[in-house]
């Protein structure tokens, strides 16, 4: 196991991980699995977003894959379920197969960080419809104070991909803020070298009988990521 003093988030040298947090347990487990060569982690580090204006003030995403590549839904789901048998995730989304392709799964773990009390002052600066401010019980330029209590939390995702090259593509696109689209994912030449393309095609060929199914996998990745991004935007 990782020693307590070594609990620093990879790629974030100033991010000290509290030893009694779910993040610490995720980090320890992933590093143990990585040393045992049971998983591969894209870039060997997570994607980290910190936004104190959001209730999910810390948003951490690991992109992982089995070393040998698994393109079968049941086997990939078994891989996902066996990552953290000792932990109860806050979110648990399975891998499953449909006519569209392989829908990818994940597990997520939450930690509460701080409870914050804020006093927010609003003032009506301009009235667009005559009488609207009075109807709403507001007065122009008069400050209105309101108090807000909220809890800032962290969500740590471990997202499972059938092959490490797919995980690395998604991780890089998310870091760069690239727009997700099925078209982008189907154009492998935009993201992967020729040798990398061949690795994925061979992996898909071995498990599906033809490499064309790989494109539907890529499309399902894109749809899943787009839906998740939209859901996060609506929070």
C-alpha atoms as a PDB file:
ATOM      1  CA  UNK A   1       0.000   0.000   0.000  1.00  0.00           C
ATOM      2  CA  UNK A   2       1.042   3.625  -0.455  1.00  0.00           C
ATOM      3  CA  UNK A   3       2.613   5.074   2.683  1.00  0.00           C
ATOM      4  CA  UNK A   4       0.618   7.804   4.403  1.00  0.00           C
ATOM      5  CA  UNK A   5       3.208  10.480   3.747  1.00  0.00           C
ATOM      6  CA  UNK A   6       3.173   9.614   0.017  1.00  0.00           C
ATOM      7  CA  UNK A   7      -0.486  10.514  -0.450  1.00  0.00           C
ATOM      8  CA  UNK A   8      -0.079  13.224  -3.048  1.00  0.00           C
ATOM      9  CA  UNK A   9      -2.331  13.270  -6.092  1.00  0.00           C
ATOM     10  CA  UNK A  10      -0.266  12.346  -9.187  1.00  0.00           C
ATOM     11  CA  UNK A  11       0.477  15.383 -11.328  1.00  0.00           C
ATOM     12  CA  UNK A  12      -0.666  17.704  -8.512  1.00  0.00           C
ATOM     13  CA  UNK A  13       2.299  18.064  -6.159  1.00  0.00           C
ATOM     14  CA  UNK A  14       0.482  20.574  -3.937  1.00  0.00           C
ATOM     15  CA  UNK A  15      -2.634  18.399  -3.623  1.00  0.00           C
ATOM     16  CA  UNK A  16      -2.192  16.538  -0.338  1.00  0.00           C
ATOM     17  CA  UNK A  17      -4.719  13.719  -0.054  1.00  0.00           C
ATOM     18  CA  UNK A  18      -6.294  13.213   3.360  1.00  0.00           C
ATOM     19  CA  UNK A  19      -5.527   9.672   4.474  1.00  0.00           C
ATOM     20  CA  UNK A  20      -9.076   8.984   5.673  1.00  0.00           C
ATOM     21  CA  UNK A  21     -10.818  10.072   2.463  1.00  0.00           C
ATOM     22  CA  UNK A  22     -12.377   8.035  -0.317  1.00  0.00           C
ATOM     23  CA  UNK A  23      -9.890   9.686  -2.670  1.00  0.00           C
ATOM     24  CA  UNK A  24      -7.015   8.238  -0.619  1.00  0.00           C
ATOM     25  CA  UNK A  25      -8.525   4.763  -0.839  1.00  0.00           C
ATOM     26  CA  UNK A  26      -9.065   5.137  -4.589  1.00  0.00           C
ATOM     27  CA  UNK A  27      -5.484   6.351  -5.060  1.00  0.00           C
ATOM     28  CA  UNK A  28      -4.022   3.515  -2.999  1.00  0.00           C
ATOM     29  CA  UNK A  29      -6.111   0.895  -4.786  1.00  0.00           C
ATOM     30  CA  UNK A  30      -5.279   2.157  -8.272  1.00  0.00           C
ATOM     31  CA  UNK A  31      -1.570   2.330  -7.510  1.00  0.00           C
ATOM     32  CA  UNK A  32      -1.651  -1.219  -6.100  1.00  0.00           C
ATOM     33  CA  UNK A  33      -3.451  -2.476  -9.216  1.00  0.00           C
ATOM     34  CA  UNK A  34      -1.060  -0.595 -11.477  1.00  0.00           C
ATOM     35  CA  UNK A  35       1.996  -2.076  -9.748  1.00  0.00           C
ATOM     36  CA  UNK A  36       0.447  -5.540 -10.089  1.00  0.00           C
ATOM     37  CA  UNK A  37      -0.018  -4.805 -13.831  1.00  0.00           C
ATOM     38  CA  UNK A  38      -3.771  -5.359 -13.572  1.00  0.00           C
ATOM     39  CA  UNK A  39      -4.740  -1.936 -14.942  1.00  0.00           C
ATOM     40  CA  UNK A  40      -3.365   0.854 -17.099  1.00  0.00           C
ATOM     41  CA  UNK A  41      -4.049   4.512 -16.265  1.00  0.00           C
ATOM     42  CA  UNK A  42      -4.114   7.123 -19.019  1.00  0.00           C
ATOM     43  CA  UNK A  43      -1.155   9.488 -18.525  1.00  0.00           C
ATOM     44  CA  UNK A  44      -0.567   7.847 -15.108  1.00  0.00           C
ATOM     45  CA  UNK A  45      -2.529  10.665 -13.497  1.00  0.00           C
ATOM     46  CA  UNK A  46      -6.097  11.942 -13.171  1.00  0.00           C
ATOM     47  CA  UNK A  47      -7.766  14.961 -14.682  1.00  0.00           C
ATOM     48  CA  UNK A  48      -8.387  17.487 -11.894  1.00  0.00           C
ATOM     49  CA  UNK A  49     -10.814  20.404 -11.976  1.00  0.00           C
ATOM     50  CA  UNK A  50     -11.190  22.749  -9.000  1.00  0.00           C
ATOM     51  CA  UNK A  51     -14.068  25.220  -8.883  1.00  0.00           C
ATOM     52  CA  UNK A  52     -15.087  26.642  -5.472  1.00  0.00           C
ATOM     53  CA  UNK A  53     -18.181  28.191  -7.077  1.00  0.00           C
ATOM     54  CA  UNK A  54     -19.610  24.729  -7.728  1.00  0.00           C
ATOM     55  CA  UNK A  55     -20.978  22.410  -5.045  1.00  0.00           C
ATOM     56  CA  UNK A  56     -18.680  19.806  -6.612  1.00  0.00           C
ATOM     57  CA  UNK A  57     -15.648  21.956  -5.874  1.00  0.00           C
ATOM     58  CA  UNK A  58     -13.175  19.204  -6.793  1.00  0.00           C
ATOM     59  CA  UNK A  59     -13.894  17.001  -9.804  1.00  0.00           C
ATOM     60  CA  UNK A  60     -11.367  14.219 -10.391  1.00  0.00           C
ATOM     61  CA  UNK A  61     -11.413  11.735 -13.267  1.00  0.00           C
ATOM     62  CA  UNK A  62      -9.239   8.676 -13.764  1.00  0.00           C
ATOM     63  CA  UNK A  63      -9.332   6.980 -17.171  1.00  0.00           C
ATOM     64  CA  UNK A  64      -8.375   3.313 -16.867  1.00  0.00           C
ATOM     65  CA  UNK A  65      -8.276   0.212 -19.047  1.00  0.00           C
ATOM     66  CA  UNK A  66      -7.329  -3.461 -18.743  1.00  0.00           C
ATOM     67  CA  UNK A  67      -3.766  -4.153 -19.954  1.00  0.00           C
ATOM     68  CA  UNK A  68      -4.860  -6.695 -22.569  1.00  0.00           C
ATOM     69  CA  UNK A  69      -7.839  -4.724 -23.894  1.00  0.00           C
ATOM     70  CA  UNK A  70     -11.387  -6.032 -23.401  1.00  0.00           C
ATOM     71  CA  UNK A  71     -14.116  -5.358 -25.965  1.00  0.00           C
ATOM     72  CA  UNK A  72     -16.717  -7.701 -24.481  1.00  0.00           C
ATOM     73  CA  UNK A  73     -19.337  -5.954 -22.321  1.00  0.00           C
ATOM     74  CA  UNK A  74     -19.653  -8.690 -19.675  1.00  0.00           C
ATOM     75  CA  UNK A  75     -15.911  -9.084 -19.262  1.00  0.00           C
ATOM     76  CA  UNK A  76     -15.308  -5.336 -19.182  1.00  0.00           C
ATOM     77  CA  UNK A  77     -18.065  -4.917 -16.608  1.00  0.00           C
ATOM     78  CA  UNK A  78     -16.483  -7.649 -14.488  1.00  0.00           C
ATOM     79  CA  UNK A  79     -13.181  -5.772 -14.723  1.00  0.00           C
ATOM     80  CA  UNK A  80     -14.946  -2.586 -13.558  1.00  0.00           C
ATOM     81  CA  UNK A  81     -16.701  -4.315 -10.644  1.00  0.00           C
ATOM     82  CA  UNK A  82     -13.473  -5.890  -9.399  1.00  0.00           C
ATOM     83  CA  UNK A  83     -11.566  -2.611  -9.161  1.00  0.00           C
ATOM     84  CA  UNK A  84     -12.955  -1.601  -5.743  1.00  0.00           C
ATOM     85  CA  UNK A  85     -14.645  -4.628  -4.124  1.00  0.00           C
ATOM     86  CA  UNK A  86     -13.914  -3.177  -0.665  1.00  0.00           C
ATOM     87  CA  UNK A  87     -15.572   0.201  -1.326  1.00  0.00           C
ATOM     88  CA  UNK A  88     -19.158   1.348  -1.848  1.00  0.00           C
ATOM     89  CA  UNK A  89     -19.324   3.877  -4.698  1.00  0.00           C
ATOM     90  CA  UNK A  90     -21.635   6.865  -4.672  1.00  0.00           C
ATOM     91  CA  UNK A  91     -22.320   6.252  -8.365  1.00  0.00           C
ATOM     92  CA  UNK A  92     -22.095   2.914 -10.116  1.00  0.00           C
ATOM     93  CA  UNK A  93     -22.718   2.808 -13.868  1.00  0.00           C
ATOM     94  CA  UNK A  94     -22.359  -0.572 -15.611  1.00  0.00           C
ATOM     95  CA  UNK A  95     -20.873  -1.438 -18.973  1.00  0.00           C
ATOM     96  CA  UNK A  96     -23.482  -2.821 -21.351  1.00  0.00           C
ATOM     97  CA  UNK A  97     -23.902  -3.739 -24.996  1.00  0.00           C
ATOM     98  CA  UNK A  98     -26.637  -2.450 -27.311  1.00  0.00           C
ATOM     99  CA  UNK A  99     -27.108  -2.366 -31.059  1.00  0.00           C
ATOM    100  CA  UNK A 100     -25.258   0.970 -31.044  1.00  0.00           C
ATOM    101  CA  UNK A 101     -22.130  -0.507 -29.534  1.00  0.00           C
ATOM    102  CA  UNK A 102     -20.421  -0.746 -26.171  1.00  0.00           C
ATOM    103  CA  UNK A 103     -21.671   1.726 -23.555  1.00  0.00           C
ATOM    104  CA  UNK A 104     -18.901   2.420 -21.093  1.00  0.00           C
ATOM    105  CA  UNK A 105     -19.204   2.381 -17.324  1.00  0.00           C
ATOM    106  CA  UNK A 106     -17.615   3.971 -14.293  1.00  0.00           C
ATOM    107  CA  UNK A 107     -17.612   4.136 -10.521  1.00  0.00           C
ATOM    108  CA  UNK A 108     -17.507   7.364  -8.524  1.00  0.00           C
ATOM    109  CA  UNK A 109     -16.744   8.140  -4.891  1.00  0.00           C
ATOM    110  CA  UNK A 110     -17.625  11.282  -2.950  1.00  0.00           C
ATOM    111  CA  UNK A 111     -15.978  13.199  -0.116  1.00  0.00           C
ATOM    112  CA  UNK A 112     -17.337  16.198   1.757  1.00  0.00           C
ATOM    113  CA  UNK A 113     -14.783  19.006   1.948  1.00  0.00           C
ATOM    114  CA  UNK A 114     -16.183  22.074   3.729  1.00  0.00           C
ATOM    115  CA  UNK A 115     -19.469  23.650   4.760  1.00  0.00           C
ATOM    116  CA  UNK A 116     -19.674  27.267   3.737  1.00  0.00           C
ATOM    117  CA  UNK A 117     -21.896  30.081   4.947  1.00  0.00           C
ATOM    118  CA  UNK A 118     -22.100  33.059   2.638  1.00  0.00           C
ATOM    119  CA  UNK A 119     -23.955  36.339   2.673  1.00  0.00           C
ATOM    120  CA  UNK A 120     -24.819  37.421  -0.835  1.00  0.00           C
ATOM    121  CA  UNK A 121     -25.944  40.945  -1.626  1.00  0.00           C
ATOM    122  CA  UNK A 122     -28.060  41.571  -4.718  1.00  0.00           C
ATOM    123  CA  UNK A 123     -29.224  44.885  -6.099  1.00  0.00           C
ATOM    124  CA  UNK A 124     -31.645  45.591  -8.941  1.00  0.00           C
ATOM    125  CA  UNK A 125     -29.677  47.742 -11.366  1.00  0.00           C
ATOM    126  CA  UNK A 126     -32.153  48.149 -14.201  1.00  0.00           C
ATOM    127  CA  UNK A 127     -35.854  47.571 -14.810  1.00  0.00           C
ATOM    128  CA  UNK A 128     -36.707  46.419 -18.326  1.00  0.00           C
ATOM    129  CA  UNK A 129     -40.484  46.238 -17.830  1.00  0.00           C
ATOM    130  CA  UNK A 130     -42.145  49.134 -15.992  1.00  0.00           C
ATOM    131  CA  UNK A 131     -43.661  47.994 -12.706  1.00  0.00           C
ATOM    132  CA  UNK A 132     -41.804  44.653 -12.654  1.00  0.00           C
ATOM    133  CA  UNK A 133     -39.575  45.539  -9.693  1.00  0.00           C
ATOM    134  CA  UNK A 134     -42.503  46.681  -7.553  1.00  0.00           C
ATOM    135  CA  UNK A 135     -44.487  43.565  -8.469  1.00  0.00           C
ATOM    136  CA  UNK A 136     -41.562  41.422  -7.334  1.00  0.00           C
ATOM    137  CA  UNK A 137     -41.202  43.353  -4.093  1.00  0.00           C
ATOM    138  CA  UNK A 138     -37.886  44.891  -5.160  1.00  0.00           C
ATOM    139  CA  UNK A 139     -36.599  48.424  -5.250  1.00  0.00           C
ATOM    140  CA  UNK A 140     -34.110  49.813  -7.716  1.00  0.00           C
ATOM    141  CA  UNK A 141     -30.564  50.168  -6.347  1.00  0.00           C
ATOM    142  CA  UNK A 142     -31.599  48.861  -2.918  1.00  0.00           C
ATOM    143  CA  UNK A 143     -29.242  46.089  -1.730  1.00  0.00           C
ATOM    144  CA  UNK A 144     -30.910  42.833  -0.756  1.00  0.00           C
ATOM    145  CA  UNK A 145     -28.886  40.539   1.506  1.00  0.00           C
ATOM    146  CA  UNK A 146     -29.497  36.806   1.634  1.00  0.00           C
ATOM    147  CA  UNK A 147     -27.620  34.028   3.364  1.00  0.00           C
ATOM    148  CA  UNK A 148     -26.542  30.814   1.754  1.00  0.00           C
ATOM    149  CA  UNK A 149     -25.356  27.587   3.372  1.00  0.00           C
ATOM    150  CA  UNK A 150     -23.818  24.952   1.151  1.00  0.00           C
ATOM    151  CA  UNK A 151     -21.463  22.008   1.333  1.00  0.00           C
ATOM    152  CA  UNK A 152     -18.537  21.779  -1.053  1.00  0.00           C
ATOM    153  CA  UNK A 153     -17.664  18.227  -2.023  1.00  0.00           C
ATOM    154  CA  UNK A 154     -15.327  16.211  -4.205  1.00  0.00           C
ATOM    155  CA  UNK A 155     -16.356  13.561  -6.719  1.00  0.00           C
ATOM    156  CA  UNK A 156     -13.740  11.086  -7.917  1.00  0.00           C
ATOM    157  CA  UNK A 157     -14.569   9.152 -11.085  1.00  0.00           C
ATOM    158  CA  UNK A 158     -12.827   6.019 -12.281  1.00  0.00           C
ATOM    159  CA  UNK A 159     -13.941   5.593 -15.891  1.00  0.00           C
ATOM    160  CA  UNK A 160     -13.363   2.291 -17.626  1.00  0.00           C
ATOM    161  CA  UNK A 161     -12.382   1.979 -21.289  1.00  0.00           C
ATOM    162  CA  UNK A 162     -11.866  -1.192 -23.335  1.00  0.00           C
ATOM    163  CA  UNK A 163      -8.343  -0.194 -24.415  1.00  0.00           C
ATOM    164  CA  UNK A 164      -5.754   2.206 -23.015  1.00  0.00           C
ATOM    165  CA  UNK A 165      -5.485   4.056 -26.334  1.00  0.00           C
ATOM    166  CA  UNK A 166      -9.175   4.952 -26.135  1.00  0.00           C
ATOM    167  CA  UNK A 167      -8.695   6.093 -22.533  1.00  0.00           C
ATOM    168  CA  UNK A 168      -5.769   8.285 -23.565  1.00  0.00           C
ATOM    169  CA  UNK A 169      -7.723   9.849 -26.441  1.00  0.00           C
ATOM    170  CA  UNK A 170     -10.602  10.802 -24.145  1.00  0.00           C
ATOM    171  CA  UNK A 171      -8.286  12.035 -21.377  1.00  0.00           C
ATOM    172  CA  UNK A 172      -6.369  14.265 -23.773  1.00  0.00           C
ATOM    173  CA  UNK A 173      -9.509  15.677 -25.373  1.00  0.00           C
ATOM    174  CA  UNK A 174     -10.974  16.507 -21.964  1.00  0.00           C
ATOM    175  CA  UNK A 175      -7.748  18.210 -20.894  1.00  0.00           C
ATOM    176  CA  UNK A 176      -7.702  20.263 -24.089  1.00  0.00           C
ATOM    177  CA  UNK A 177     -11.401  21.077 -23.875  1.00  0.00           C
ATOM    178  CA  UNK A 178     -12.013  19.601 -27.321  1.00  0.00           C
ATOM    179  CA  UNK A 179     -15.659  19.325 -28.339  1.00  0.00           C
ATOM    180  CA  UNK A 180     -16.963  15.764 -28.251  1.00  0.00           C
ATOM    181  CA  UNK A 181     -18.649  14.447 -31.343  1.00  0.00           C
ATOM    182  CA  UNK A 182     -19.180  11.065 -32.936  1.00  0.00           C
ATOM    183  CA  UNK A 183     -17.542  12.339 -36.115  1.00  0.00           C
ATOM    184  CA  UNK A 184     -14.405  13.306 -34.222  1.00  0.00           C
ATOM    185  CA  UNK A 185     -14.111   9.884 -32.652  1.00  0.00           C
ATOM    186  CA  UNK A 186     -14.700   7.982 -35.871  1.00  0.00           C
ATOM    187  CA  UNK A 187     -11.834   9.841 -37.529  1.00  0.00           C
ATOM    188  CA  UNK A 188      -9.082   7.918 -35.775  1.00  0.00           C
ATOM    189  CA  UNK A 189      -6.417   9.490 -37.957  1.00  0.00           C
ATOM    190  CA  UNK A 190      -7.059  12.813 -36.187  1.00  0.00           C
ATOM    191  CA  UNK A 191      -6.094  11.404 -32.810  1.00  0.00           C
ATOM    192  CA  UNK A 192      -3.957   8.294 -33.231  1.00  0.00           C
ATOM    193  CA  UNK A 193      -0.852   7.343 -35.136  1.00  0.00           C
ATOM    194  CA  UNK A 194      -1.067   4.609 -37.776  1.00  0.00           C
ATOM    195  CA  UNK A 195       0.494   1.984 -35.454  1.00  0.00           C
ATOM    196  CA  UNK A 196      -1.982   2.928 -32.710  1.00  0.00           C
ATOM    197  CA  UNK A 197      -4.891   2.624 -35.135  1.00  0.00           C
ATOM    198  CA  UNK A 198      -3.723  -0.856 -36.068  1.00  0.00           C
ATOM    199  CA  UNK A 199      -3.500  -1.887 -32.396  1.00  0.00           C
ATOM    200  CA  UNK A 200      -7.131  -0.916 -31.862  1.00  0.00           C
ATOM    201  CA  UNK A 201      -8.287  -2.521 -35.087  1.00  0.00           C
ATOM    202  CA  UNK A 202      -6.559  -5.788 -34.211  1.00  0.00           C
ATOM    203  CA  UNK A 203      -8.046  -5.704 -30.696  1.00  0.00           C
ATOM    204  CA  UNK A 204     -11.545  -5.136 -32.092  1.00  0.00           C
ATOM    205  CA  UNK A 205     -11.014  -7.771 -34.801  1.00  0.00           C
ATOM    206  CA  UNK A 206     -10.073 -10.386 -32.209  1.00  0.00           C
ATOM    207  CA  UNK A 207     -13.233  -9.847 -30.176  1.00  0.00           C
ATOM    208  CA  UNK A 208     -15.885  -8.842 -32.690  1.00  0.00           C
ATOM    209  CA  UNK A 209     -14.856 -10.425 -35.974  1.00  0.00           C
ATOM    210  CA  UNK A 210     -14.562  -7.119 -37.828  1.00  0.00           C
ATOM    211  CA  UNK A 211     -12.920  -3.814 -37.007  1.00  0.00           C
ATOM    212  CA  UNK A 212     -15.889  -1.685 -38.119  1.00  0.00           C
ATOM    213  CA  UNK A 213     -17.533  -2.257 -34.733  1.00  0.00           C
ATOM    214  CA  UNK A 214     -14.729  -0.205 -33.218  1.00  0.00           C
ATOM    215  CA  UNK A 215     -16.236   2.922 -34.737  1.00  0.00           C
ATOM    216  CA  UNK A 216     -19.535   2.298 -32.942  1.00  0.00           C
ATOM    217  CA  UNK A 217     -17.567   1.928 -29.713  1.00  0.00           C
ATOM    218  CA  UNK A 218     -15.969   5.305 -30.393  1.00  0.00           C
ATOM    219  CA  UNK A 219     -19.386   6.811 -31.086  1.00  0.00           C
ATOM    220  CA  UNK A 220     -20.815   5.465 -27.835  1.00  0.00           C
ATOM    221  CA  UNK A 221     -17.865   6.996 -25.962  1.00  0.00           C
ATOM    222  CA  UNK A 222     -18.649  10.348 -27.563  1.00  0.00           C
ATOM    223  CA  UNK A 223     -22.362  10.176 -26.755  1.00  0.00           C
ATOM    224  CA  UNK A 224     -21.682   9.174 -23.159  1.00  0.00           C
ATOM    225  CA  UNK A 225     -19.209  12.008 -22.633  1.00  0.00           C
ATOM    226  CA  UNK A 226     -21.516  14.562 -24.276  1.00  0.00           C
ATOM    227  CA  UNK A 227     -24.459  13.499 -22.100  1.00  0.00           C
ATOM    228  CA  UNK A 228     -22.324  13.675 -18.968  1.00  0.00           C
ATOM    229  CA  UNK A 229     -20.979  17.122 -19.890  1.00  0.00           C
ATOM    230  CA  UNK A 230     -24.540  18.342 -20.487  1.00  0.00           C
ATOM    231  CA  UNK A 231     -25.694  16.885 -17.163  1.00  0.00           C
ATOM    232  CA  UNK A 232     -22.809  18.581 -15.341  1.00  0.00           C
ATOM    233  CA  UNK A 233     -23.685  21.892 -17.005  1.00  0.00           C
ATOM    234  CA  UNK A 234     -27.264  21.641 -15.731  1.00  0.00           C
ATOM    235  CA  UNK A 235     -26.216  21.109 -12.092  1.00  0.00           C
END
